[in-house]
Amino acid sequence: MKYNRCGKSGLLLPQISLGLWHNFGSVDSFENAESIAKVAFDKGITHFDLANNYGPVPGSAETNFGTILKNNFQGNLRDEIVITTKAGYTMWDGPYGDWGSRKYLLSSLDQSLKRMNLEYVDIFYSHRFDPETPLEETMMALDYAVRSGKALYAGISNYNPEQTREATEILKRLGTPCLIHQVKYSMFVRTPEEGLLDVLGEKGVGCIAFSPLAQGLLTDKYLNGIPENSRAHNPNGHLKEDEVSEDRIRKIIQLNDIAKERNQSLAQMALAWLLKDNRITSVLIGASSVGQLNNNIDSLQNLEFSPEELNGIESILK
């Protein structure tokens, strides 16, 4: 495993991080989740990413991860891993369980720490921009989370370039620099290239890409349509069947041909394609099995692209 510096900070993150958005909730096999986390750490993945509402049910991924920590990461092992969580989407009923107020963010952080039985998280994120709350209030909450010792670093997620620029400038004035931006980015979702990556590079902020495989589309699962065991068939998933269009399948098949020429799976090539940009600190993978985890990690064996390969990929994605 190679570790990249996160922006202009002192923190190093693995090129591949493990996200607990799927497969770690109360509806999933705990034994499988625990096995994935243990193997990930053994393979050098030191970064585990959560949010308050990950499950289902919301909160259950943090609860399960807390048990995994207790069973496997006692003592000084806590100092060898980076644990992150977020708040910003609906977590509980009423006016204080959503968006970006100081009330919600700090209450949620306290709840997350209790669920995971932790004294602090390494990174606490504002999970989305709140158009109704002054950005200063949201950033002051992140600043307080760090100054109180409940988080070591502050991050943001799902902010557009203008919001990101303003948020980073506010945090810098407060004395708690923005460490990292977590953004949806893949071959099929290119919006970070429309200004956001430039802002992050300018401000010295790290970037971690979530959904790098487009919810499983950038794998060999959909080469022949929608299989029964896929996320598109999962009622708890976020990939809908209508997103697996004929045009998408045609592109997937063509991309898979390039991957085979590189002696990679399509998933491995999709991860490598993101990591070719030195502004990307890490890619955040999900895994439903240890085998899938290992397959994704093997993407690191070939991160180089020829100009011909890059041009071929661009012609398919147009």
C-alpha atoms as a PDB file:
ATOM      1  CA  MET A   1       0.000   0.000   0.000  1.00  0.00           C
ATOM      2  CA  LYS A   2       1.213   3.480  -0.864  1.00  0.00           C
ATOM      3  CA  TYR A   3       0.223   6.469   1.287  1.00  0.00           C
ATOM      4  CA  ASN A   4      -0.393   9.942  -0.113  1.00  0.00           C
ATOM      5  CA  ARG A   5      -0.093  13.215   1.741  1.00  0.00           C
ATOM      6  CA  CYS A   6      -3.531  14.758   2.268  1.00  0.00           C
ATOM      7  CA  GLY A   7      -3.251  18.173   0.649  1.00  0.00           C
ATOM      8  CA  LYS A   8      -0.662  20.295   2.451  1.00  0.00           C
ATOM      9  CA  SER A   9      -1.215  18.610   5.818  1.00  0.00           C
ATOM     10  CA  GLY A  10       0.946  16.191   7.749  1.00  0.00           C
ATOM     11  CA  LEU A  11      -1.588  13.363   7.414  1.00  0.00           C
ATOM     12  CA  LEU A  12      -0.962  10.449   5.073  1.00  0.00           C
ATOM     13  CA  LEU A  13      -3.884   8.396   3.764  1.00  0.00           C
ATOM     14  CA  PRO A  14      -3.744   5.077   1.920  1.00  0.00           C
ATOM     15  CA  GLN A  15      -4.409   5.278  -1.806  1.00  0.00           C
ATOM     16  CA  ILE A  16      -7.386   3.002  -1.177  1.00  0.00           C
ATOM     17  CA  SER A  17      -9.672   3.596   1.814  1.00  0.00           C
ATOM     18  CA  LEU A  18     -12.596   1.492   3.013  1.00  0.00           C
ATOM     19  CA  GLY A  19     -16.066   3.040   3.114  1.00  0.00           C
ATOM     20  CA  LEU A  20     -18.812   1.610   5.316  1.00  0.00           C
ATOM     21  CA  TRP A  21     -21.735   3.102   3.392  1.00  0.00           C
ATOM     22  CA  HIS A  22     -22.891  -0.382   2.353  1.00  0.00           C
ATOM     23  CA  ASN A  23     -22.529  -3.879   3.853  1.00  0.00           C
ATOM     24  CA  PHE A  24     -21.880  -2.789   7.446  1.00  0.00           C
ATOM     25  CA  GLY A  25     -25.443  -2.044   8.610  1.00  0.00           C
ATOM     26  CA  SER A  26     -27.903  -3.931  10.766  1.00  0.00           C
ATOM     27  CA  VAL A  27     -29.370  -5.682   7.682  1.00  0.00           C
ATOM     28  CA  ASP A  28     -25.952  -7.102   6.733  1.00  0.00           C
ATOM     29  CA  SER A  29     -23.817  -9.998   7.989  1.00  0.00           C
ATOM     30  CA  PHE A  30     -21.690  -8.772  10.884  1.00  0.00           C
ATOM     31  CA  GLU A  31     -19.207 -11.620  10.449  1.00  0.00           C
ATOM     32  CA  ASN A  32     -18.664 -10.651   6.807  1.00  0.00           C
ATOM     33  CA  ALA A  33     -18.241  -6.976   7.712  1.00  0.00           C
ATOM     34  CA  GLU A  34     -15.722  -7.839  10.415  1.00  0.00           C
ATOM     35  CA  SER A  35     -13.725 -10.038   8.036  1.00  0.00           C
ATOM     36  CA  ILE A  36     -13.605  -7.262   5.418  1.00  0.00           C
ATOM     37  CA  ALA A  37     -12.363  -4.709   7.965  1.00  0.00           C
ATOM     38  CA  LYS A  38      -9.679  -7.041   9.348  1.00  0.00           C
ATOM     39  CA  VAL A  39      -8.321  -8.002   5.928  1.00  0.00           C
ATOM     40  CA  ALA A  40      -8.396  -4.371   4.807  1.00  0.00           C
ATOM     41  CA  PHE A  41      -6.187  -3.372   7.727  1.00  0.00           C
ATOM     42  CA  ASP A  42      -3.854  -6.301   7.153  1.00  0.00           C
ATOM     43  CA  LYS A  43      -3.461  -5.138   3.529  1.00  0.00           C
ATOM     44  CA  GLY A  44      -2.502  -1.612   4.610  1.00  0.00           C
ATOM     45  CA  ILE A  45      -5.882   0.135   4.471  1.00  0.00           C
ATOM     46  CA  THR A  46      -5.648   2.311   7.550  1.00  0.00           C
ATOM     47  CA  HIS A  47      -8.578   4.607   6.759  1.00  0.00           C
ATOM     48  CA  PHE A  48     -12.192   3.657   7.590  1.00  0.00           C
ATOM     49  CA  ASP A  49     -14.916   6.087   6.513  1.00  0.00           C
ATOM     50  CA  LEU A  50     -18.389   6.358   8.036  1.00  0.00           C
ATOM     51  CA  ALA A  51     -21.283   8.780   8.443  1.00  0.00           C
ATOM     52  CA  ASN A  52     -23.957   9.111  11.101  1.00  0.00           C
ATOM     53  CA  ASN A  53     -26.714   7.775   8.820  1.00  0.00           C
ATOM     54  CA  TYR A  54     -24.889   4.790   7.312  1.00  0.00           C
ATOM     55  CA  GLY A  55     -26.785   1.551   7.708  1.00  0.00           C
ATOM     56  CA  PRO A  56     -29.532   0.718   7.271  1.00  0.00           C
ATOM     57  CA  VAL A  57     -30.808   1.373   9.891  1.00  0.00           C
ATOM     58  CA  PRO A  58     -29.188   4.808  10.244  1.00  0.00           C
ATOM     59  CA  GLY A  59     -26.416   4.650  12.829  1.00  0.00           C
ATOM     60  CA  SER A  60     -26.009   0.889  12.663  1.00  0.00           C
ATOM     61  CA  ALA A  61     -22.797   0.999  10.608  1.00  0.00           C
ATOM     62  CA  GLU A  62     -21.161   3.063  13.343  1.00  0.00           C
ATOM     63  CA  THR A  63     -22.500   0.722  16.017  1.00  0.00           C
ATOM     64  CA  ASN A  64     -21.192  -2.340  14.181  1.00  0.00           C
ATOM     65  CA  PHE A  65     -17.859  -0.676  13.504  1.00  0.00           C
ATOM     66  CA  GLY A  66     -17.581   0.137  17.194  1.00  0.00           C
ATOM     67  CA  THR A  67     -17.923  -3.569  17.939  1.00  0.00           C
ATOM     68  CA  ILE A  68     -15.332  -4.411  15.270  1.00  0.00           C
ATOM     69  CA  LEU A  69     -12.952  -1.931  16.899  1.00  0.00           C
ATOM     70  CA  LYS A  70     -13.527  -3.450  20.334  1.00  0.00           C
ATOM     71  CA  ASN A  71     -12.948  -6.964  19.018  1.00  0.00           C
ATOM     72  CA  ASN A  72      -9.906  -6.281  16.860  1.00  0.00           C
ATOM     73  CA  PHE A  73      -8.308  -2.859  17.387  1.00  0.00           C
ATOM     74  CA  GLN A  74      -7.682  -2.525  21.092  1.00  0.00           C
ATOM     75  CA  GLY A  75      -4.900  -0.492  22.663  1.00  0.00           C
ATOM     76  CA  ASN A  76      -2.370   1.245  20.435  1.00  0.00           C
ATOM     77  CA  LEU A  77      -3.987  -0.094  17.256  1.00  0.00           C
ATOM     78  CA  ARG A  78      -6.368   2.877  17.473  1.00  0.00           C
ATOM     79  CA  ASP A  79      -3.353   5.061  16.772  1.00  0.00           C
ATOM     80  CA  GLU A  80      -2.642   3.123  13.574  1.00  0.00           C
ATOM     81  CA  ILE A  81      -5.989   3.838  11.922  1.00  0.00           C
ATOM     82  CA  VAL A  82      -7.879   6.872  10.680  1.00  0.00           C
ATOM     83  CA  ILE A  83     -11.614   6.878  11.479  1.00  0.00           C
ATOM     84  CA  THR A  84     -13.885   9.462   9.919  1.00  0.00           C
ATOM     85  CA  THR A  85     -17.555  10.327  10.210  1.00  0.00           C
ATOM     86  CA  LYS A  86     -19.955  12.958   8.915  1.00  0.00           C
ATOM     87  CA  ALA A  87     -23.219  14.740   9.610  1.00  0.00           C
ATOM     88  CA  GLY A  88     -25.435  16.622   7.188  1.00  0.00           C
ATOM     89  CA  TYR A  89     -28.188  14.313   5.969  1.00  0.00           C
ATOM     90  CA  THR A  90     -31.352  13.365   7.867  1.00  0.00           C
ATOM     91  CA  MET A  91     -30.518  11.416  11.011  1.00  0.00           C
ATOM     92  CA  TRP A  92     -33.461  11.915  13.380  1.00  0.00           C
ATOM     93  CA  ASP A  93     -36.915  13.479  13.349  1.00  0.00           C
ATOM     94  CA  GLY A  94     -37.640  17.069  14.276  1.00  0.00           C
ATOM     95  CA  PRO A  95     -35.943  20.351  13.379  1.00  0.00           C
ATOM     96  CA  TYR A  96     -32.481  19.478  14.759  1.00  0.00           C
ATOM     97  CA  GLY A  97     -31.642  16.232  12.960  1.00  0.00           C
ATOM     98  CA  ASP A  98     -30.572  17.426   9.538  1.00  0.00           C
ATOM     99  CA  TRP A  99     -28.469  19.887   7.499  1.00  0.00           C
ATOM    100  CA  GLY A 100     -25.681  22.100   8.876  1.00  0.00           C
ATOM    101  CA  SER A 101     -26.570  23.907  12.089  1.00  0.00           C
ATOM    102  CA  ARG A 102     -24.149  23.919  14.998  1.00  0.00           C
ATOM    103  CA  LYS A 103     -26.879  22.240  17.069  1.00  0.00           C
ATOM    104  CA  TYR A 104     -27.180  19.301  14.681  1.00  0.00           C
ATOM    105  CA  LEU A 105     -23.519  18.802  13.789  1.00  0.00           C
ATOM    106  CA  LEU A 106     -22.186  18.748  17.334  1.00  0.00           C
ATOM    107  CA  SER A 107     -25.067  16.673  18.711  1.00  0.00           C
ATOM    108  CA  SER A 108     -24.539  14.182  15.903  1.00  0.00           C
ATOM    109  CA  LEU A 109     -20.800  13.983  16.563  1.00  0.00           C
ATOM    110  CA  ASP A 110     -21.464  13.169  20.216  1.00  0.00           C
ATOM    111  CA  GLN A 111     -23.883  10.423  19.176  1.00  0.00           C
ATOM    112  CA  SER A 112     -21.387   8.998  16.676  1.00  0.00           C
ATOM    113  CA  LEU A 113     -18.649   8.846  19.298  1.00  0.00           C
ATOM    114  CA  LYS A 114     -20.979   6.982  21.659  1.00  0.00           C
ATOM    115  CA  ARG A 115     -21.999   4.473  18.992  1.00  0.00           C
ATOM    116  CA  MET A 116     -18.361   3.710  18.159  1.00  0.00           C
ATOM    117  CA  ASN A 117     -17.202   3.988  21.783  1.00  0.00           C
ATOM    118  CA  LEU A 118     -14.505   6.467  20.789  1.00  0.00           C
ATOM    119  CA  GLU A 119     -13.054   9.556  22.429  1.00  0.00           C
ATOM    120  CA  TYR A 120     -12.433  11.208  19.070  1.00  0.00           C
ATOM    121  CA  VAL A 121     -12.621  10.700  15.318  1.00  0.00           C
ATOM    122  CA  ASP A 122      -9.747  11.628  13.077  1.00  0.00           C
ATOM    123  CA  ILE A 123     -11.839  13.599  10.578  1.00  0.00           C
ATOM    124  CA  PHE A 124     -15.300  15.089  11.081  1.00  0.00           C
ATOM    125  CA  TYR A 125     -17.092  16.239   7.933  1.00  0.00           C
ATOM    126  CA  SER A 126     -19.929  18.540   7.071  1.00  0.00           C
ATOM    127  CA  HIS A 127     -21.649  16.018   4.785  1.00  0.00           C
ATOM    128  CA  ARG A 128     -23.387  18.600   2.573  1.00  0.00           C
ATOM    129  CA  PHE A 129     -23.754  22.341   2.147  1.00  0.00           C
ATOM    130  CA  ASP A 130     -26.770  23.827   3.928  1.00  0.00           C
ATOM    131  CA  PRO A 131     -28.326  26.700   1.941  1.00  0.00           C
ATOM    132  CA  GLU A 132     -30.383  27.845   4.948  1.00  0.00           C
ATOM    133  CA  THR A 133     -27.603  28.031   7.543  1.00  0.00           C
ATOM    134  CA  PRO A 134     -24.818  30.631   7.411  1.00  0.00           C
ATOM    135  CA  LEU A 135     -21.669  28.882   6.222  1.00  0.00           C
ATOM    136  CA  GLU A 136     -19.778  30.553   9.072  1.00  0.00           C
ATOM    137  CA  GLU A 137     -21.970  28.687  11.582  1.00  0.00           C
ATOM    138  CA  THR A 138     -21.330  25.323   9.939  1.00  0.00           C
ATOM    139  CA  MET A 139     -17.579  25.934   9.754  1.00  0.00           C
ATOM    140  CA  MET A 140     -17.467  27.215  13.346  1.00  0.00           C
ATOM    141  CA  ALA A 141     -19.037  23.929  14.411  1.00  0.00           C
ATOM    142  CA  LEU A 142     -16.258  22.006  12.651  1.00  0.00           C
ATOM    143  CA  ASP A 143     -13.679  24.308  14.235  1.00  0.00           C
ATOM    144  CA  TYR A 144     -15.179  23.651  17.673  1.00  0.00           C
ATOM    145  CA  ALA A 145     -15.205  19.883  17.078  1.00  0.00           C
ATOM    146  CA  VAL A 146     -11.451  20.029  16.516  1.00  0.00           C
ATOM    147  CA  ARG A 147     -10.695  22.437  19.353  1.00  0.00           C
ATOM    148  CA  SER A 148     -12.739  20.338  21.770  1.00  0.00           C
ATOM    149  CA  GLY A 149     -10.656  17.263  20.967  1.00  0.00           C
ATOM    150  CA  LYS A 150     -13.583  15.309  19.533  1.00  0.00           C
ATOM    151  CA  ALA A 151     -12.000  15.412  16.051  1.00  0.00           C
ATOM    152  CA  LEU A 152      -8.436  15.883  14.875  1.00  0.00           C
ATOM    153  CA  TYR A 153      -9.252  17.394  11.481  1.00  0.00           C
ATOM    154  CA  ALA A 154     -12.177  19.050   9.685  1.00  0.00           C
ATOM    155  CA  GLY A 155     -13.487  18.124   6.255  1.00  0.00           C
ATOM    156  CA  ILE A 156     -16.337  18.889   3.886  1.00  0.00           C
ATOM    157  CA  SER A 157     -18.265  16.759   1.406  1.00  0.00           C
ATOM    158  CA  ASN A 158     -20.529  17.437  -1.578  1.00  0.00           C
ATOM    159  CA  TYR A 159     -19.709  21.176  -1.731  1.00  0.00           C
ATOM    160  CA  ASN A 160     -19.443  22.838  -5.144  1.00  0.00           C
ATOM    161  CA  PRO A 161     -16.321  24.829  -6.111  1.00  0.00           C
ATOM    162  CA  GLU A 162     -17.610  28.214  -4.903  1.00  0.00           C
ATOM    163  CA  GLN A 163     -18.878  26.787  -1.604  1.00  0.00           C
ATOM    164  CA  THR A 164     -15.595  24.927  -1.159  1.00  0.00           C
ATOM    165  CA  ARG A 165     -13.531  28.054  -1.692  1.00  0.00           C
ATOM    166  CA  GLU A 166     -15.552  30.018   0.863  1.00  0.00           C
ATOM    167  CA  ALA A 167     -15.574  27.167   3.401  1.00  0.00           C
ATOM    168  CA  THR A 168     -11.806  26.688   3.223  1.00  0.00           C
ATOM    169  CA  GLU A 169     -11.207  30.415   3.642  1.00  0.00           C
ATOM    170  CA  ILE A 170     -13.477  30.571   6.702  1.00  0.00           C
ATOM    171  CA  LEU A 171     -11.770  27.568   8.307  1.00  0.00           C
ATOM    172  CA  LYS A 172      -8.350  29.046   7.632  1.00  0.00           C
ATOM    173  CA  ARG A 173      -9.367  32.280   9.391  1.00  0.00           C
ATOM    174  CA  LEU A 174     -10.650  30.256  12.323  1.00  0.00           C
ATOM    175  CA  GLY A 175      -7.321  28.435  12.598  1.00  0.00           C
ATOM    176  CA  THR A 176      -8.613  24.964  11.684  1.00  0.00           C
ATOM    177  CA  PRO A 177      -7.644  24.388   8.044  1.00  0.00           C
ATOM    178  CA  CYS A 178      -9.895  22.250   5.876  1.00  0.00           C
ATOM    179  CA  LEU A 179      -8.062  18.943   5.530  1.00  0.00           C
ATOM    180  CA  ILE A 180     -10.063  17.139   2.871  1.00  0.00           C
ATOM    181  CA  HIS A 181     -13.035  17.196   0.517  1.00  0.00           C
ATOM    182  CA  GLN A 182     -14.994  13.999  -0.112  1.00  0.00           C
ATOM    183  CA  VAL A 183     -16.675  14.070  -3.495  1.00  0.00           C
ATOM    184  CA  LYS A 184     -18.507  11.728  -5.852  1.00  0.00           C
ATOM    185  CA  TYR A 185     -16.101  11.057  -8.703  1.00  0.00           C
ATOM    186  CA  SER A 186     -15.746   8.293 -11.270  1.00  0.00           C
ATOM    187  CA  MET A 187     -15.415   7.741 -14.988  1.00  0.00           C
ATOM    188  CA  PHE A 188     -19.175   8.240 -15.199  1.00  0.00           C
ATOM    189  CA  VAL A 189     -19.353  11.261 -12.824  1.00  0.00           C
ATOM    190  CA  ARG A 190     -16.844  13.898 -13.920  1.00  0.00           C
ATOM    191  CA  THR A 191     -18.237  17.008 -12.195  1.00  0.00           C
ATOM    192  CA  PRO A 192     -15.193  17.480  -9.891  1.00  0.00           C
ATOM    193  CA  GLU A 193     -13.218  18.311 -13.035  1.00  0.00           C
ATOM    194  CA  GLU A 194     -15.437  21.388 -13.531  1.00  0.00           C
ATOM    195  CA  GLY A 195     -13.509  23.593 -11.126  1.00  0.00           C
ATOM    196  CA  LEU A 196     -13.521  21.710  -7.835  1.00  0.00           C
ATOM    197  CA  LEU A 197     -10.196  19.908  -8.273  1.00  0.00           C
ATOM    198  CA  ASP A 198      -8.605  23.224  -9.242  1.00  0.00           C
ATOM    199  CA  VAL A 199      -9.865  24.869  -6.040  1.00  0.00           C
ATOM    200  CA  LEU A 200      -8.609  21.975  -3.917  1.00  0.00           C
ATOM    201  CA  GLY A 201      -5.208  22.120  -5.571  1.00  0.00           C
ATOM    202  CA  GLU A 202      -5.026  25.877  -5.057  1.00  0.00           C
ATOM    203  CA  LYS A 203      -6.059  25.685  -1.397  1.00  0.00           C
ATOM    204  CA  GLY A 204      -3.907  22.663  -0.526  1.00  0.00           C
ATOM    205  CA  VAL A 205      -6.911  20.523   0.411  1.00  0.00           C
ATOM    206  CA  GLY A 206      -6.879  16.758  -0.069  1.00  0.00           C
ATOM    207  CA  CYS A 207      -9.513  14.954  -2.101  1.00  0.00           C
ATOM    208  CA  ILE A 208     -11.041  11.531  -1.559  1.00  0.00           C
ATOM    209  CA  ALA A 209     -13.359  10.135  -4.214  1.00  0.00           C
ATOM    210  CA  PHE A 210     -16.460   8.200  -3.187  1.00  0.00           C
ATOM    211  CA  SER A 211     -18.439   5.914  -5.498  1.00  0.00           C
ATOM    212  CA  PRO A 212     -15.320   5.484  -7.691  1.00  0.00           C
ATOM    213  CA  LEU A 213     -16.957   2.469  -9.338  1.00  0.00           C
ATOM    214  CA  ALA A 214     -20.257   4.313  -9.930  1.00  0.00           C
ATOM    215  CA  GLN A 215     -22.151   2.092  -7.475  1.00  0.00           C
ATOM    216  CA  GLY A 216     -20.800  -1.030  -9.155  1.00  0.00           C
ATOM    217  CA  LEU A 217     -21.460   0.005 -12.760  1.00  0.00           C
ATOM    218  CA  LEU A 218     -17.713   0.136 -13.453  1.00  0.00           C
ATOM    219  CA  THR A 219     -17.282  -3.577 -12.796  1.00  0.00           C
ATOM    220  CA  ASP A 220     -17.879  -6.721 -14.811  1.00  0.00           C
ATOM    221  CA  LYS A 221     -21.256  -7.260 -13.114  1.00  0.00           C
ATOM    222  CA  TYR A 222     -23.258  -5.452 -15.779  1.00  0.00           C
ATOM    223  CA  LEU A 223     -21.570  -6.669 -18.960  1.00  0.00           C
ATOM    224  CA  ASN A 224     -24.602  -8.862 -19.682  1.00  0.00           C
ATOM    225  CA  GLY A 225     -27.365  -6.784 -18.091  1.00  0.00           C
ATOM    226  CA  ILE A 226     -28.526  -6.593 -14.458  1.00  0.00           C
ATOM    227  CA  PRO A 227     -27.745  -9.688 -12.354  1.00  0.00           C
ATOM    228  CA  GLU A 228     -29.939 -10.750  -9.470  1.00  0.00           C
ATOM    229  CA  ASN A 229     -27.300 -10.122  -6.780  1.00  0.00           C
ATOM    230  CA  SER A 230     -26.382  -6.598  -7.922  1.00  0.00           C
ATOM    231  CA  ARG A 231     -26.962  -3.237  -6.240  1.00  0.00           C
ATOM    232  CA  ALA A 232     -29.432  -2.327  -8.967  1.00  0.00           C
ATOM    233  CA  HIS A 233     -31.639  -5.162  -7.664  1.00  0.00           C
ATOM    234  CA  ASN A 234     -31.070  -4.333  -3.992  1.00  0.00           C
ATOM    235  CA  PRO A 235     -34.006  -2.373  -2.499  1.00  0.00           C
ATOM    236  CA  ASN A 236     -31.604  -0.892   0.078  1.00  0.00           C
ATOM    237  CA  GLY A 237     -29.139   0.268  -2.585  1.00  0.00           C
ATOM    238  CA  HIS A 238     -28.739   3.633  -4.303  1.00  0.00           C
ATOM    239  CA  LEU A 239     -28.244   2.358  -7.850  1.00  0.00           C
ATOM    240  CA  LYS A 240     -31.524   2.206  -9.746  1.00  0.00           C
ATOM    241  CA  GLU A 241     -32.266  -0.158 -12.608  1.00  0.00           C
ATOM    242  CA  ASP A 242     -32.960   2.709 -15.022  1.00  0.00           C
ATOM    243  CA  GLU A 243     -29.361   3.902 -14.551  1.00  0.00           C
ATOM    244  CA  VAL A 244     -28.156   0.694 -16.217  1.00  0.00           C
ATOM    245  CA  SER A 245     -29.129   1.861 -19.710  1.00  0.00           C
ATOM    246  CA  GLU A 246     -28.161   0.288 -23.016  1.00  0.00           C
ATOM    247  CA  ASP A 247     -25.772   3.171 -23.658  1.00  0.00           C
ATOM    248  CA  ARG A 248     -24.117   2.642 -20.280  1.00  0.00           C
ATOM    249  CA  ILE A 249     -23.731  -1.095 -20.900  1.00  0.00           C
ATOM    250  CA  ARG A 250     -22.166  -0.363 -24.301  1.00  0.00           C
ATOM    251  CA  LYS A 251     -19.619   1.930 -22.645  1.00  0.00           C
ATOM    252  CA  ILE A 252     -18.957  -0.608 -19.888  1.00  0.00           C
ATOM    253  CA  ILE A 253     -18.195  -3.295 -22.478  1.00  0.00           C
ATOM    254  CA  GLN A 254     -15.802  -0.998 -24.362  1.00  0.00           C
ATOM    255  CA  LEU A 255     -14.037   0.090 -21.168  1.00  0.00           C
ATOM    256  CA  ASN A 256     -13.738  -3.536 -20.121  1.00  0.00           C
ATOM    257  CA  ASP A 257     -11.920  -4.284 -23.379  1.00  0.00           C
ATOM    258  CA  ILE A 258      -9.284  -1.655 -22.546  1.00  0.00           C
ATOM    259  CA  ALA A 259      -8.976  -3.024 -19.007  1.00  0.00           C
ATOM    260  CA  LYS A 260      -8.347  -6.530 -20.334  1.00  0.00           C
ATOM    261  CA  GLU A 261      -5.557  -5.199 -22.528  1.00  0.00           C
ATOM    262  CA  ARG A 262      -4.008  -3.736 -19.345  1.00  0.00           C
ATOM    263  CA  ASN A 263      -4.383  -7.107 -17.554  1.00  0.00           C
ATOM    264  CA  GLN A 264      -6.825  -5.505 -15.141  1.00  0.00           C
ATOM    265  CA  SER A 265     -10.452  -5.934 -14.263  1.00  0.00           C
ATOM    266  CA  LEU A 266     -12.693  -3.011 -15.162  1.00  0.00           C
ATOM    267  CA  ALA A 267     -12.963  -2.119 -11.465  1.00  0.00           C
ATOM    268  CA  GLN A 268      -9.189  -2.077 -11.098  1.00  0.00           C
ATOM    269  CA  MET A 269      -8.786   0.176 -14.117  1.00  0.00           C
ATOM    270  CA  ALA A 270     -11.506   2.554 -12.891  1.00  0.00           C
ATOM    271  CA  LEU A 271      -9.709   2.984  -9.552  1.00  0.00           C
ATOM    272  CA  ALA A 272      -6.329   3.421 -11.225  1.00  0.00           C
ATOM    273  CA  TRP A 273      -7.824   6.013 -13.587  1.00  0.00           C
ATOM    274  CA  LEU A 274      -8.784   8.201 -10.607  1.00  0.00           C
ATOM    275  CA  LEU A 275      -5.445   7.804  -8.851  1.00  0.00           C
ATOM    276  CA  LYS A 276      -3.516   9.021 -11.921  1.00  0.00           C
ATOM    277  CA  ASP A 277      -4.385  12.588 -10.798  1.00  0.00           C
ATOM    278  CA  ASN A 278      -2.052  13.670  -7.991  1.00  0.00           C
ATOM    279  CA  ARG A 279      -4.818  15.839  -6.515  1.00  0.00           C
ATOM    280  CA  ILE A 280      -6.668  12.652  -5.558  1.00  0.00           C
ATOM    281  CA  THR A 281      -5.405  11.579  -2.149  1.00  0.00           C
ATOM    282  CA  SER A 282      -7.401   8.347  -1.933  1.00  0.00           C
ATOM    283  CA  VAL A 283     -10.287   6.455  -3.490  1.00  0.00           C
ATOM    284  CA  LEU A 284     -13.014   5.216  -1.194  1.00  0.00           C
ATOM    285  CA  ILE A 285     -14.162   1.710  -2.008  1.00  0.00           C
ATOM    286  CA  GLY A 286     -17.017  -0.354  -0.696  1.00  0.00           C
ATOM    287  CA  ALA A 287     -16.745  -4.122  -0.517  1.00  0.00           C
ATOM    288  CA  SER A 288     -19.318  -6.882  -0.130  1.00  0.00           C
ATOM    289  CA  SER A 289     -16.706  -9.616   0.304  1.00  0.00           C
ATOM    290  CA  VAL A 290     -13.036 -10.143   1.072  1.00  0.00           C
ATOM    291  CA  GLY A 291     -12.548 -11.295  -2.516  1.00  0.00           C
ATOM    292  CA  GLN A 292     -13.952  -8.056  -3.882  1.00  0.00           C
ATOM    293  CA  LEU A 293     -11.761  -6.085  -1.477  1.00  0.00           C
ATOM    294  CA  ASN A 294      -8.628  -7.901  -2.639  1.00  0.00           C
ATOM    295  CA  ASN A 295      -9.552  -7.383  -6.287  1.00  0.00           C
ATOM    296  CA  ASN A 296      -9.829  -3.632  -5.726  1.00  0.00           C
ATOM    297  CA  ILE A 297      -6.541  -3.454  -3.841  1.00  0.00           C
ATOM    298  CA  ASP A 298      -4.814  -5.185  -6.754  1.00  0.00           C
ATOM    299  CA  SER A 299      -5.574  -2.095  -8.879  1.00  0.00           C
ATOM    300  CA  LEU A 300      -2.456  -0.570  -7.296  1.00  0.00           C
ATOM    301  CA  GLN A 301      -0.259  -2.965  -9.258  1.00  0.00           C
ATOM    302  CA  ASN A 302      -0.802  -0.932 -12.443  1.00  0.00           C
ATOM    303  CA  LEU A 303      -1.460   2.794 -12.087  1.00  0.00           C
ATOM    304  CA  GLU A 304       0.266   3.949 -15.268  1.00  0.00           C
ATOM    305  CA  PHE A 305      -1.685   4.828 -18.428  1.00  0.00           C
ATOM    306  CA  SER A 306      -0.319   5.362 -21.903  1.00  0.00           C
ATOM    307  CA  PRO A 307      -1.576   8.357 -23.907  1.00  0.00           C
ATOM    308  CA  GLU A 308      -3.310   5.905 -26.231  1.00  0.00           C
ATOM    309  CA  GLU A 309      -5.173   4.295 -23.332  1.00  0.00           C
ATOM    310  CA  LEU A 310      -6.273   7.651 -21.953  1.00  0.00           C
ATOM    311  CA  ASN A 311      -7.442   8.817 -25.357  1.00  0.00           C
ATOM    312  CA  GLY A 312      -9.330   5.577 -25.859  1.00  0.00           C
ATOM    313  CA  ILE A 313     -11.086   5.939 -22.511  1.00  0.00           C
ATOM    314  CA  GLU A 314     -12.013   9.564 -23.247  1.00  0.00           C
ATOM    315  CA  SER A 315     -13.490   8.629 -26.626  1.00  0.00           C
ATOM    316  CA  ILE A 316     -15.725   6.050 -24.926  1.00  0.00           C
ATOM    317  CA  LEU A 317     -16.847   8.386 -22.155  1.00  0.00           C
ATOM    318  CA  LYS A 318     -17.837  11.265 -24.440  1.00  0.00           C
END
